[in-house]
């Protein structure tokens, strides 16, 4: 069993419901996964306690050409990130579950939104959103995409504002450090 390090990057995106896609700079996010080789793939599991994802706020997020209003913040609390990676093709599929905690100037704090989706380097489509990811390249860089059906939070104002339940889209540009060694080890295991 070995490990990989995930780094999130700029050029990400998020969308929910009828609203236009947010431009999201996720630089600075990271997490370490334990990896177990199984046939031609790696089963990877991240420790949620060690997984950090930058919040959406006026520094990291734009809607159209405008930053989010100061005081509005959406913090992301990862609960699960696990799945598989195929080193030979760079294909990745990860089950992602997180709570999204919205706040406005520290005064308005509705219940968190629970989001569950499969992030993939392939194509995804929901009722409203669709996107195509890209497999990891030789440097371990790629793009994961996912569509989730977001249930109501239970807060009438937030649910009405976002039109919940509705689809949400995630576009995550990221890199995996340590993958080159995994590819070499798997290639060696295939030798007679």
Protein backbone atom coordinates (compact mmCIF):
# COMPACT_ATOMS: atom_id res chain seq x y z
CA UNK A 1 0.00 0.00 0.00
CA UNK A 2 1.37 3.42 -0.99
CA UNK A 3 0.01 6.95 -1.15
CA UNK A 4 -0.76 9.74 -3.60
CA UNK A 5 -1.02 13.46 -2.95
CA UNK A 6 -3.88 15.42 -4.53
CA UNK A 7 -3.51 19.14 -5.33
CA UNK A 8 -6.46 21.22 -6.51
CA UNK A 9 -5.80 23.94 -9.06
CA UNK A 10 -7.14 27.10 -10.68
CA UNK A 11 -9.61 26.91 -13.55
CA UNK A 12 -12.29 24.97 -11.67
CA UNK A 13 -16.02 25.58 -11.88
CA UNK A 14 -19.27 25.04 -10.01
CA UNK A 15 -22.89 25.51 -11.03
CA UNK A 16 -26.18 24.96 -9.28
CA UNK A 17 -29.65 24.98 -10.70
CA UNK A 18 -30.47 27.69 -13.21
CA UNK A 19 -27.54 29.91 -12.26
CA UNK A 20 -24.53 30.39 -14.55
CA UNK A 21 -21.34 28.51 -13.84
CA UNK A 22 -19.07 29.96 -11.16
CA UNK A 23 -15.38 30.31 -11.95
CA UNK A 24 -13.55 28.85 -8.97
CA UNK A 25 -9.85 29.04 -8.14
CA UNK A 26 -9.23 25.99 -5.94
CA UNK A 27 -5.46 26.43 -5.65
CA UNK A 28 -4.16 25.41 -2.26
CA UNK A 29 -6.46 22.45 -1.69
CA UNK A 30 -4.82 19.11 -0.98
CA UNK A 31 -5.23 15.64 0.45
CA UNK A 32 -3.39 12.35 0.78
CA UNK A 33 -4.83 9.06 -0.43
CA UNK A 34 -3.80 5.54 0.47
CA UNK A 35 -3.56 3.33 -2.62
CA UNK A 36 -4.03 -0.40 -2.99
CA UNK A 37 -3.17 -2.02 -6.37
CA UNK A 38 -5.97 -4.25 -7.67
CA UNK A 39 -5.33 -5.75 -11.13
CA UNK A 40 -4.74 -2.81 -13.51
CA UNK A 41 -6.04 -0.12 -11.19
CA UNK A 42 -5.41 1.57 -7.87
CA UNK A 43 -8.12 1.66 -5.23
CA UNK A 44 -7.66 5.06 -3.56
CA UNK A 45 -9.16 6.34 -0.31
CA UNK A 46 -8.68 9.84 1.11
CA UNK A 47 -8.86 10.63 4.80
CA UNK A 48 -11.53 13.37 5.05
CA UNK A 49 -9.77 14.85 8.08
CA UNK A 50 -6.66 15.43 5.93
CA UNK A 51 -8.57 16.75 2.89
CA UNK A 52 -8.77 20.53 2.46
CA UNK A 53 -10.77 22.36 -0.22
CA UNK A 54 -10.67 26.18 -0.37
CA UNK A 55 -13.99 27.92 0.40
CA UNK A 56 -15.99 29.78 -2.21
CA UNK A 57 -15.78 33.49 -1.46
CA UNK A 58 -14.90 36.81 -3.10
CA UNK A 59 -11.22 35.80 -3.34
CA UNK A 60 -11.74 32.44 -5.06
CA UNK A 61 -15.02 32.66 -6.95
CA UNK A 62 -16.56 34.73 -9.74
CA UNK A 63 -20.03 34.64 -11.25
CA UNK A 64 -19.84 35.92 -14.83
CA UNK A 65 -17.14 38.60 -14.34
CA UNK A 66 -17.97 39.61 -10.76
CA UNK A 67 -16.58 38.13 -7.54
CA UNK A 68 -18.97 36.78 -4.95
CA UNK A 69 -20.15 39.57 -2.64
CA UNK A 70 -17.89 40.14 0.38
CA UNK A 71 -19.31 38.39 3.41
CA UNK A 72 -20.77 35.49 1.43
CA UNK A 73 -18.84 32.28 1.96
CA UNK A 74 -19.46 28.61 1.19
CA UNK A 75 -17.18 26.27 3.12
CA UNK A 76 -16.75 22.69 1.90
CA UNK A 77 -16.59 19.90 4.49
CA UNK A 78 -15.49 16.66 2.79
CA UNK A 79 -17.06 13.47 4.13
CA UNK A 80 -15.95 10.90 1.54
CA UNK A 81 -13.53 10.87 -1.38
CA UNK A 82 -12.65 7.39 -2.62
CA UNK A 83 -12.61 5.36 -5.81
CA UNK A 84 -10.21 4.09 -8.42
CA UNK A 85 -7.49 5.28 -10.77
CA UNK A 86 -6.22 3.39 -13.81
CA UNK A 87 -2.57 4.45 -14.23
CA UNK A 88 -2.25 3.19 -17.82
CA UNK A 89 -5.10 5.35 -19.13
CA UNK A 90 -5.24 8.12 -16.52
CA UNK A 91 -8.94 7.39 -15.91
CA UNK A 92 -10.22 8.33 -12.46
CA UNK A 93 -13.59 7.83 -10.76
CA UNK A 94 -14.06 9.08 -7.19
CA UNK A 95 -17.15 9.04 -5.01
CA UNK A 96 -17.40 12.49 -3.40
CA UNK A 97 -19.66 13.40 -0.53
CA UNK A 98 -19.50 16.74 1.26
CA UNK A 99 -21.45 19.26 3.25
CA UNK A 100 -21.53 22.77 1.82
CA UNK A 101 -21.89 25.33 4.64
CA UNK A 102 -23.24 28.70 3.46
CA UNK A 103 -22.90 31.84 5.55
CA UNK A 104 -23.54 35.54 5.03
CA UNK A 105 -21.46 37.94 7.13
CA UNK A 106 -21.44 35.35 9.91
CA UNK A 107 -25.11 36.12 10.62
CA UNK A 108 -27.14 33.89 8.31
CA UNK A 109 -26.23 30.20 8.51
CA UNK A 110 -28.78 27.86 6.93
CA UNK A 111 -28.47 24.08 7.28
CA UNK A 112 -25.66 22.65 5.13
CA UNK A 113 -26.30 21.31 1.64
CA UNK A 114 -25.39 17.63 1.33
CA UNK A 115 -23.85 16.87 -2.07
CA UNK A 116 -22.99 13.39 -3.32
CA UNK A 117 -21.59 12.70 -6.78
CA UNK A 118 -19.15 10.60 -8.77
CA UNK A 119 -16.25 12.73 -9.99
CA UNK A 120 -14.89 11.30 -13.23
CA UNK A 121 -12.36 12.02 -15.95
CA UNK A 122 -15.06 10.94 -18.44
CA UNK A 123 -18.36 12.58 -19.42
CA UNK A 124 -21.24 13.30 -17.04
CA UNK A 125 -24.77 14.55 -17.58
CA UNK A 126 -27.72 15.41 -15.38
CA UNK A 127 -31.11 16.93 -16.05
CA UNK A 128 -29.64 20.42 -16.38
CA UNK A 129 -25.84 20.26 -16.55
CA UNK A 130 -23.25 18.25 -18.48
CA UNK A 131 -19.46 18.30 -18.78
CA UNK A 132 -16.50 16.29 -19.98
CA UNK A 133 -13.38 15.68 -17.92
CA UNK A 134 -9.88 14.81 -19.08
CA UNK A 135 -7.71 11.82 -18.06
CA UNK A 136 -4.54 12.37 -16.09
CA UNK A 137 -1.58 13.14 -18.32
CA UNK A 138 2.02 11.97 -17.87
CA UNK A 139 2.50 14.60 -15.14
CA UNK A 140 -0.60 13.43 -13.24
CA UNK A 141 -2.66 16.50 -14.25
CA UNK A 142 -6.29 16.15 -15.28
CA UNK A 143 -9.87 17.34 -14.84
CA UNK A 144 -12.63 15.59 -12.88
CA UNK A 145 -16.30 16.41 -13.43
CA UNK A 146 -19.47 15.41 -11.62
CA UNK A 147 -23.19 16.14 -11.58
CA UNK A 148 -25.18 15.79 -8.36
CA UNK A 149 -28.84 16.06 -7.51
CA UNK A 150 -28.89 18.43 -4.51
CA UNK A 151 -31.77 17.85 -2.08
CA UNK A 152 -33.49 20.68 -0.20
CA UNK A 153 -31.66 21.96 2.87
CA UNK A 154 -34.83 22.51 4.88
CA UNK A 155 -34.35 26.29 4.90
CA UNK A 156 -37.27 27.81 2.91
CA UNK A 157 -35.35 30.90 1.80
CA UNK A 158 -32.22 29.05 0.63
CA UNK A 159 -34.21 26.27 -1.04
CA UNK A 160 -36.34 28.83 -2.87
CA UNK A 161 -33.34 30.94 -3.90
CA UNK A 162 -31.48 27.94 -5.33
CA UNK A 163 -34.61 26.18 -6.62
CA UNK A 164 -33.82 22.98 -4.73
CA UNK A 165 -33.97 20.14 -5.47
CA UNK A 166 -31.92 20.67 -8.62
CA UNK A 167 -28.71 19.65 -10.36
CA UNK A 168 -25.26 20.90 -9.42
CA UNK A 169 -22.11 20.62 -11.50
CA UNK A 170 -18.51 20.40 -10.29
CA UNK A 171 -15.43 20.84 -12.50
CA UNK A 172 -12.20 20.11 -10.61
CA UNK A 173 -8.79 20.63 -12.19
CA UNK A 174 -6.23 18.77 -10.14
CA UNK A 175 -2.94 16.94 -10.05
CA UNK A 176 -1.80 13.71 -8.40
CA UNK A 177 1.78 13.54 -7.12
CA UNK A 178 3.37 10.11 -6.84
CA UNK A 179 1.55 8.55 -9.79
CA UNK A 180 4.71 8.03 -11.85
CA UNK A 181 6.05 5.56 -9.30
CA UNK A 182 2.72 3.73 -9.28
CA UNK A 183 2.79 3.36 -13.07
CA UNK A 184 6.32 1.97 -12.95
CA UNK A 185 5.43 -0.50 -10.20
CA UNK A 186 2.42 -1.76 -12.12
CA UNK A 187 4.42 -2.11 -15.32
CA UNK A 188 7.03 -4.15 -13.41
CA UNK A 189 4.31 -6.38 -11.97
CA UNK A 190 3.19 -7.25 -15.52
CA UNK A 191 6.62 -8.59 -16.47
CA UNK A 192 7.00 -12.42 -16.64
